[in-house]
């Protein structure tokens, strides 16, 4: 017998309610129900990662190897083979004796990751913020000046002038330190706003769980004749 959509939705609702109770039980201390929810979360995450990894191997390795175009077959298969070799070398990190071989793949991953992160930070944050500060013509003069000062002082706050204090640039170093203090103030405000946003998001998740759980409890009580 194939379960209906209503039964599947009911089973999902019951499991979600049970896991919600298990997580909320942490308010009473670290107990079995909370650890059970953590184990289910970790197990589901690992299972999902394994499925994604197998799907990636099938689509990006096997299919590319088999369906490589004839006119560019050597280049495509060489690219796929290099990725497979790097992946196999990464498995050698399991043992200390052979971990040196895995450093090749680790270095490649770290280098690519840093390159992507640096490029994204440069083009997506630094350049975009600088252009926005320089071309903010839609706001009033005070808002534009405030944003410009905040942007410049935050950038200056990452300037280190310790070696300037002993030379003829001592006055310049003090001026830069003053601007750095203003920049750190803007950083504190930004970090405070970020923390407040994270807190509001967590409270919103809690409200969503309560809104999900309360009607379910009311429906169960109504089913048993308790109003």
C-alpha atoms as a PDB file:
ATOM      1  CA  UNK A   1       0.000   0.000   0.000  1.00  0.00           C
ATOM      2  CA  UNK A   2       1.465   3.329  -1.084  1.00  0.00           C
ATOM      3  CA  UNK A   3       1.045   6.016   1.592  1.00  0.00           C
ATOM      4  CA  UNK A   4      -0.963   9.044   0.583  1.00  0.00           C
ATOM      5  CA  UNK A   5       0.314  12.600   0.607  1.00  0.00           C
ATOM      6  CA  UNK A   6      -1.710  13.313   3.751  1.00  0.00           C
ATOM      7  CA  UNK A   7      -0.040  10.452   5.604  1.00  0.00           C
ATOM      8  CA  UNK A   8       3.399  11.568   4.459  1.00  0.00           C
ATOM      9  CA  UNK A   9       2.703  15.135   5.581  1.00  0.00           C
ATOM     10  CA  UNK A  10       1.379  13.879   8.920  1.00  0.00           C
ATOM     11  CA  UNK A  11       4.462  11.734   9.475  1.00  0.00           C
ATOM     12  CA  UNK A  12       6.722  14.671   8.615  1.00  0.00           C
ATOM     13  CA  UNK A  13       4.801  16.922  11.011  1.00  0.00           C
ATOM     14  CA  UNK A  14       5.066  14.390  13.841  1.00  0.00           C
ATOM     15  CA  UNK A  15       8.818  13.924  13.294  1.00  0.00           C
ATOM     16  CA  UNK A  16       9.353  17.688  13.136  1.00  0.00           C
ATOM     17  CA  UNK A  17       7.376  18.193  16.342  1.00  0.00           C
ATOM     18  CA  UNK A  18       9.315  15.437  18.095  1.00  0.00           C
ATOM     19  CA  UNK A  19      12.670  16.893  17.055  1.00  0.00           C
ATOM     20  CA  UNK A  20      11.501  20.355  18.149  1.00  0.00           C
ATOM     21  CA  UNK A  21      10.698  18.995  21.602  1.00  0.00           C
ATOM     22  CA  UNK A  22      14.067  17.242  21.697  1.00  0.00           C
ATOM     23  CA  UNK A  23      15.917  20.482  20.943  1.00  0.00           C
ATOM     24  CA  UNK A  24      13.850  22.474  23.454  1.00  0.00           C
ATOM     25  CA  UNK A  25      14.647  19.854  26.102  1.00  0.00           C
ATOM     26  CA  UNK A  26      18.161  21.314  26.247  1.00  0.00           C
ATOM     27  CA  UNK A  27      16.631  24.021  28.463  1.00  0.00           C
ATOM     28  CA  UNK A  28      16.497  21.329  31.145  1.00  0.00           C
ATOM     29  CA  UNK A  29      20.115  20.348  30.581  1.00  0.00           C
ATOM     30  CA  UNK A  30      22.148  18.124  28.287  1.00  0.00           C
ATOM     31  CA  UNK A  31      19.926  15.040  28.106  1.00  0.00           C
ATOM     32  CA  UNK A  32      19.296  11.989  25.943  1.00  0.00           C
ATOM     33  CA  UNK A  33      16.618  13.611  23.770  1.00  0.00           C
ATOM     34  CA  UNK A  34      18.847  16.563  22.885  1.00  0.00           C
ATOM     35  CA  UNK A  35      21.759  14.272  22.045  1.00  0.00           C
ATOM     36  CA  UNK A  36      19.404  12.143  19.936  1.00  0.00           C
ATOM     37  CA  UNK A  37      18.402  15.216  17.915  1.00  0.00           C
ATOM     38  CA  UNK A  38      22.082  16.122  17.448  1.00  0.00           C
ATOM     39  CA  UNK A  39      22.898  12.597  16.271  1.00  0.00           C
ATOM     40  CA  UNK A  40      19.995  12.649  13.807  1.00  0.00           C
ATOM     41  CA  UNK A  41      21.130  16.039  12.490  1.00  0.00           C
ATOM     42  CA  UNK A  42      24.736  14.892  12.071  1.00  0.00           C
ATOM     43  CA  UNK A  43      23.693  11.592  10.508  1.00  0.00           C
ATOM     44  CA  UNK A  44      21.349  13.282   8.046  1.00  0.00           C
ATOM     45  CA  UNK A  45      24.053  15.820   7.182  1.00  0.00           C
ATOM     46  CA  UNK A  46      26.648  13.127   6.562  1.00  0.00           C
ATOM     47  CA  UNK A  47      24.212  11.088   4.471  1.00  0.00           C
ATOM     48  CA  UNK A  48      23.351  14.145   2.386  1.00  0.00           C
ATOM     49  CA  UNK A  49      27.060  14.935   1.913  1.00  0.00           C
ATOM     50  CA  UNK A  50      27.752  11.366   0.782  1.00  0.00           C
ATOM     51  CA  UNK A  51      24.893  11.475  -1.723  1.00  0.00           C
ATOM     52  CA  UNK A  52      26.080  14.837  -3.058  1.00  0.00           C
ATOM     53  CA  UNK A  53      29.664  13.521  -3.337  1.00  0.00           C
ATOM     54  CA  UNK A  54      28.553  10.408  -5.230  1.00  0.00           C
ATOM     55  CA  UNK A  55      26.351  12.492  -7.509  1.00  0.00           C
ATOM     56  CA  UNK A  56      29.258  14.850  -8.160  1.00  0.00           C
ATOM     57  CA  UNK A  57      31.581  11.970  -8.965  1.00  0.00           C
ATOM     58  CA  UNK A  58      29.041  10.542 -11.375  1.00  0.00           C
ATOM     59  CA  UNK A  59      28.220  13.792 -13.191  1.00  0.00           C
ATOM     60  CA  UNK A  60      31.600  15.559 -13.148  1.00  0.00           C
ATOM     61  CA  UNK A  61      33.928  12.545 -13.435  1.00  0.00           C
ATOM     62  CA  UNK A  62      32.231   9.537 -14.991  1.00  0.00           C
ATOM     63  CA  UNK A  63      29.916  11.345 -17.425  1.00  0.00           C
ATOM     64  CA  UNK A  64      32.635  13.783 -18.496  1.00  0.00           C
ATOM     65  CA  UNK A  65      35.031  10.893 -19.079  1.00  0.00           C
ATOM     66  CA  UNK A  66      32.533   8.845 -21.072  1.00  0.00           C
ATOM     67  CA  UNK A  67      30.857  11.690 -22.945  1.00  0.00           C
ATOM     68  CA  UNK A  68      34.029  13.618 -23.756  1.00  0.00           C
ATOM     69  CA  UNK A  69      33.793  15.132 -27.257  1.00  0.00           C
ATOM     70  CA  UNK A  70      35.937  13.445 -29.856  1.00  0.00           C
ATOM     71  CA  UNK A  71      37.580  16.646 -31.072  1.00  0.00           C
ATOM     72  CA  UNK A  72      38.624  17.633 -27.541  1.00  0.00           C
ATOM     73  CA  UNK A  73      38.677  14.248 -25.850  1.00  0.00           C
ATOM     74  CA  UNK A  74      42.305  14.284 -24.697  1.00  0.00           C
ATOM     75  CA  UNK A  75      42.021  17.695 -23.011  1.00  0.00           C
ATOM     76  CA  UNK A  76      38.739  16.886 -21.261  1.00  0.00           C
ATOM     77  CA  UNK A  77      39.922  13.500 -20.024  1.00  0.00           C
ATOM     78  CA  UNK A  78      43.234  15.003 -18.918  1.00  0.00           C
ATOM     79  CA  UNK A  79      41.364  17.602 -16.889  1.00  0.00           C
ATOM     80  CA  UNK A  80      39.151  14.921 -15.320  1.00  0.00           C
ATOM     81  CA  UNK A  81      42.140  12.686 -14.595  1.00  0.00           C
ATOM     82  CA  UNK A  82      44.009  15.522 -12.876  1.00  0.00           C
ATOM     83  CA  UNK A  83      41.035  16.086 -10.592  1.00  0.00           C
ATOM     84  CA  UNK A  84      40.841  12.391  -9.771  1.00  0.00           C
ATOM     85  CA  UNK A  85      44.562  12.286  -8.981  1.00  0.00           C
ATOM     86  CA  UNK A  86      44.250  15.258  -6.642  1.00  0.00           C
ATOM     87  CA  UNK A  87      41.288  13.614  -4.937  1.00  0.00           C
ATOM     88  CA  UNK A  88      43.153  10.339  -4.476  1.00  0.00           C
ATOM     89  CA  UNK A  89      46.198  12.158  -3.101  1.00  0.00           C
ATOM     90  CA  UNK A  90      43.967  13.858  -0.556  1.00  0.00           C
ATOM     91  CA  UNK A  91      43.092  10.436   0.876  1.00  0.00           C
ATOM     92  CA  UNK A  92      46.733   9.989   1.919  1.00  0.00           C
ATOM     93  CA  UNK A  93      46.167  12.600   4.638  1.00  0.00           C
ATOM     94  CA  UNK A  94      44.623   9.819   6.712  1.00  0.00           C
ATOM     95  CA  UNK A  95      48.059   8.486   7.697  1.00  0.00           C
ATOM     96  CA  UNK A  96      50.963  10.523   9.069  1.00  0.00           C
ATOM     97  CA  UNK A  97      53.464   8.575   7.011  1.00  0.00           C
ATOM     98  CA  UNK A  98      51.790   9.400   3.724  1.00  0.00           C
ATOM     99  CA  UNK A  99      50.333  12.811   4.624  1.00  0.00           C
ATOM    100  CA  UNK A 100      53.062  14.528   2.607  1.00  0.00           C
ATOM    101  CA  UNK A 101      51.451  13.306  -0.605  1.00  0.00           C
ATOM    102  CA  UNK A 102      48.157  14.798   0.477  1.00  0.00           C
ATOM    103  CA  UNK A 103      49.784  18.196   0.976  1.00  0.00           C
ATOM    104  CA  UNK A 104      49.772  18.620  -2.812  1.00  0.00           C
ATOM    105  CA  UNK A 105      45.981  18.516  -2.933  1.00  0.00           C
ATOM    106  CA  UNK A 106      45.694  20.549   0.264  1.00  0.00           C
ATOM    107  CA  UNK A 107      47.949  23.270  -1.129  1.00  0.00           C
ATOM    108  CA  UNK A 108      45.927  23.368  -4.330  1.00  0.00           C
ATOM    109  CA  UNK A 109      42.644  23.673  -2.410  1.00  0.00           C
ATOM    110  CA  UNK A 110      43.990  26.366  -0.084  1.00  0.00           C
ATOM    111  CA  UNK A 111      45.472  28.336  -2.977  1.00  0.00           C
ATOM    112  CA  UNK A 112      42.301  28.227  -5.037  1.00  0.00           C
ATOM    113  CA  UNK A 113      40.177  29.038  -1.988  1.00  0.00           C
ATOM    114  CA  UNK A 114      42.298  32.021  -1.035  1.00  0.00           C
ATOM    115  CA  UNK A 115      42.336  33.263  -4.621  1.00  0.00           C
ATOM    116  CA  UNK A 116      38.557  33.062  -4.905  1.00  0.00           C
ATOM    117  CA  UNK A 117      38.044  34.637  -1.470  1.00  0.00           C
ATOM    118  CA  UNK A 118      40.491  37.462  -2.141  1.00  0.00           C
ATOM    119  CA  UNK A 119      39.024  38.150  -5.569  1.00  0.00           C
ATOM    120  CA  UNK A 120      35.490  38.133  -4.199  1.00  0.00           C
ATOM    121  CA  UNK A 121      36.408  40.414  -1.319  1.00  0.00           C
ATOM    122  CA  UNK A 122      38.212  42.808  -3.654  1.00  0.00           C
ATOM    123  CA  UNK A 123      35.596  43.037  -6.398  1.00  0.00           C
ATOM    124  CA  UNK A 124      32.491  42.420  -4.311  1.00  0.00           C
ATOM    125  CA  UNK A 125      33.306  44.425  -1.192  1.00  0.00           C
ATOM    126  CA  UNK A 126      36.248  46.801  -1.446  1.00  0.00           C
ATOM    127  CA  UNK A 127      35.758  48.025  -5.019  1.00  0.00           C
ATOM    128  CA  UNK A 128      31.960  48.043  -4.758  1.00  0.00           C
ATOM    129  CA  UNK A 129      32.045  49.925  -1.468  1.00  0.00           C
ATOM    130  CA  UNK A 130      34.518  52.455  -2.834  1.00  0.00           C
ATOM    131  CA  UNK A 131      32.453  53.041  -5.976  1.00  0.00           C
ATOM    132  CA  UNK A 132      29.263  53.363  -3.936  1.00  0.00           C
ATOM    133  CA  UNK A 133      30.935  55.887  -1.618  1.00  0.00           C
ATOM    134  CA  UNK A 134      32.297  57.883  -4.556  1.00  0.00           C
ATOM    135  CA  UNK A 135      29.078  57.934  -6.598  1.00  0.00           C
ATOM    136  CA  UNK A 136      26.448  58.402  -3.879  1.00  0.00           C
ATOM    137  CA  UNK A 137      24.696  61.338  -5.524  1.00  0.00           C
ATOM    138  CA  UNK A 138      21.176  60.351  -4.557  1.00  0.00           C
ATOM    139  CA  UNK A 139      21.569  61.272  -0.879  1.00  0.00           C
ATOM    140  CA  UNK A 140      22.031  64.590   0.846  1.00  0.00           C
ATOM    141  CA  UNK A 141      25.454  66.082   1.498  1.00  0.00           C
ATOM    142  CA  UNK A 142      25.621  65.083   5.157  1.00  0.00           C
ATOM    143  CA  UNK A 143      24.751  61.450   4.430  1.00  0.00           C
ATOM    144  CA  UNK A 144      27.302  61.350   1.648  1.00  0.00           C
ATOM    145  CA  UNK A 145      29.970  62.883   3.899  1.00  0.00           C
ATOM    146  CA  UNK A 146      29.135  60.472   6.721  1.00  0.00           C
ATOM    147  CA  UNK A 147      29.401  57.447   4.425  1.00  0.00           C
ATOM    148  CA  UNK A 148      32.613  58.711   2.866  1.00  0.00           C
ATOM    149  CA  UNK A 149      34.252  59.332   6.244  1.00  0.00           C
ATOM    150  CA  UNK A 150      33.129  55.941   7.515  1.00  0.00           C
ATOM    151  CA  UNK A 151      34.494  54.127   4.474  1.00  0.00           C
ATOM    152  CA  UNK A 152      37.859  55.911   4.505  1.00  0.00           C
ATOM    153  CA  UNK A 153      38.416  55.655   8.248  1.00  0.00           C
ATOM    154  CA  UNK A 154      37.557  51.957   8.291  1.00  0.00           C
ATOM    155  CA  UNK A 155      40.103  51.345   5.541  1.00  0.00           C
ATOM    156  CA  UNK A 156      42.666  53.453   7.429  1.00  0.00           C
ATOM    157  CA  UNK A 157      42.013  51.495  10.644  1.00  0.00           C
ATOM    158  CA  UNK A 158      43.832  48.552   9.048  1.00  0.00           C
ATOM    159  CA  UNK A 159      46.990  50.650   8.605  1.00  0.00           C
ATOM    160  CA  UNK A 160      49.849  49.805  10.981  1.00  0.00           C
ATOM    161  CA  UNK A 161      52.106  52.743  11.869  1.00  0.00           C
ATOM    162  CA  UNK A 162      54.209  51.261  14.666  1.00  0.00           C
ATOM    163  CA  UNK A 163      57.460  51.822  12.745  1.00  0.00           C
ATOM    164  CA  UNK A 164      56.546  55.485  12.113  1.00  0.00           C
ATOM    165  CA  UNK A 165      56.623  56.485  15.782  1.00  0.00           C
ATOM    166  CA  UNK A 166      60.401  56.608  15.941  1.00  0.00           C
ATOM    167  CA  UNK A 167      61.093  58.603  12.772  1.00  0.00           C
ATOM    168  CA  UNK A 168      60.166  61.972  11.322  1.00  0.00           C
ATOM    169  CA  UNK A 169      56.643  60.737  10.541  1.00  0.00           C
ATOM    170  CA  UNK A 170      55.636  60.678  14.201  1.00  0.00           C
ATOM    171  CA  UNK A 171      52.990  63.404  13.749  1.00  0.00           C
ATOM    172  CA  UNK A 172      51.585  61.599  10.718  1.00  0.00           C
ATOM    173  CA  UNK A 173      51.409  58.383  12.745  1.00  0.00           C
ATOM    174  CA  UNK A 174      49.390  60.120  15.468  1.00  0.00           C
ATOM    175  CA  UNK A 175      47.008  61.551  12.870  1.00  0.00           C
ATOM    176  CA  UNK A 176      46.548  58.130  11.295  1.00  0.00           C
ATOM    177  CA  UNK A 177      45.961  56.618  14.741  1.00  0.00           C
ATOM    178  CA  UNK A 178      43.210  59.168  15.356  1.00  0.00           C
ATOM    179  CA  UNK A 179      41.548  58.270  12.066  1.00  0.00           C
ATOM    180  CA  UNK A 180      41.953  54.581  12.932  1.00  0.00           C
ATOM    181  CA  UNK A 181      40.088  55.161  16.197  1.00  0.00           C
ATOM    182  CA  UNK A 182      37.193  56.676  14.241  1.00  0.00           C
ATOM    183  CA  UNK A 183      37.294  53.735  11.836  1.00  0.00           C
ATOM    184  CA  UNK A 184      37.190  51.258  14.705  1.00  0.00           C
ATOM    185  CA  UNK A 185      34.091  53.054  16.019  1.00  0.00           C
ATOM    186  CA  UNK A 186      32.378  52.458  12.681  1.00  0.00           C
ATOM    187  CA  UNK A 187      33.511  48.828  12.833  1.00  0.00           C
ATOM    188  CA  UNK A 188      32.017  48.426  16.306  1.00  0.00           C
ATOM    189  CA  UNK A 189      28.723  49.837  15.085  1.00  0.00           C
ATOM    190  CA  UNK A 190      28.725  47.498  12.067  1.00  0.00           C
ATOM    191  CA  UNK A 191      29.558  44.456  14.198  1.00  0.00           C
ATOM    192  CA  UNK A 192      26.871  45.421  16.699  1.00  0.00           C
ATOM    193  CA  UNK A 193      24.309  45.720  13.915  1.00  0.00           C
ATOM    194  CA  UNK A 194      25.417  42.345  12.530  1.00  0.00           C
ATOM    195  CA  UNK A 195      25.080  40.715  15.926  1.00  0.00           C
ATOM    196  CA  UNK A 196      21.643  42.275  16.360  1.00  0.00           C
ATOM    197  CA  UNK A 197      20.630  40.905  12.957  1.00  0.00           C
ATOM    198  CA  UNK A 198      21.802  37.409  13.912  1.00  0.00           C
ATOM    199  CA  UNK A 199      19.917  37.647  17.202  1.00  0.00           C
ATOM    200  CA  UNK A 200      16.725  38.803  15.465  1.00  0.00           C
ATOM    201  CA  UNK A 201      17.062  35.944  12.953  1.00  0.00           C
ATOM    202  CA  UNK A 202      17.426  33.386  15.767  1.00  0.00           C
ATOM    203  CA  UNK A 203      14.391  34.830  17.556  1.00  0.00           C
ATOM    204  CA  UNK A 204      12.439  34.654  14.296  1.00  0.00           C
ATOM    205  CA  UNK A 205      13.357  30.967  13.974  1.00  0.00           C
ATOM    206  CA  UNK A 206      12.182  30.402  17.558  1.00  0.00           C
ATOM    207  CA  UNK A 207       8.896  32.183  16.862  1.00  0.00           C
ATOM    208  CA  UNK A 208       8.431  30.081  13.742  1.00  0.00           C
ATOM    209  CA  UNK A 209       8.955  26.862  15.719  1.00  0.00           C
ATOM    210  CA  UNK A 210       6.475  28.005  18.394  1.00  0.00           C
ATOM    211  CA  UNK A 211       3.917  28.935  15.749  1.00  0.00           C
ATOM    212  CA  UNK A 212       4.387  25.473  14.231  1.00  0.00           C
ATOM    213  CA  UNK A 213       4.176  23.611  17.543  1.00  0.00           C
ATOM    214  CA  UNK A 214       1.302  25.376  19.331  1.00  0.00           C
ATOM    215  CA  UNK A 215      -1.405  24.642  16.704  1.00  0.00           C
ATOM    216  CA  UNK A 216      -0.231  21.037  16.576  1.00  0.00           C
ATOM    217  CA  UNK A 217      -0.612  20.637  20.340  1.00  0.00           C
ATOM    218  CA  UNK A 218      -4.026  22.318  20.159  1.00  0.00           C
ATOM    219  CA  UNK A 219      -5.134  19.909  17.411  1.00  0.00           C
ATOM    220  CA  UNK A 220      -3.953  16.884  19.424  1.00  0.00           C
ATOM    221  CA  UNK A 221      -5.769  18.087  22.546  1.00  0.00           C
ATOM    222  CA  UNK A 222      -8.894  18.718  20.503  1.00  0.00           C
ATOM    223  CA  UNK A 223      -8.674  15.203  19.075  1.00  0.00           C
ATOM    224  CA  UNK A 224      -8.755  13.757  22.603  1.00  0.00           C
ATOM    225  CA  UNK A 225     -11.654  16.023  23.593  1.00  0.00           C
ATOM    226  CA  UNK A 226      -9.610  18.520  25.587  1.00  0.00           C
ATOM    227  CA  UNK A 227     -10.413  22.121  24.712  1.00  0.00           C
END
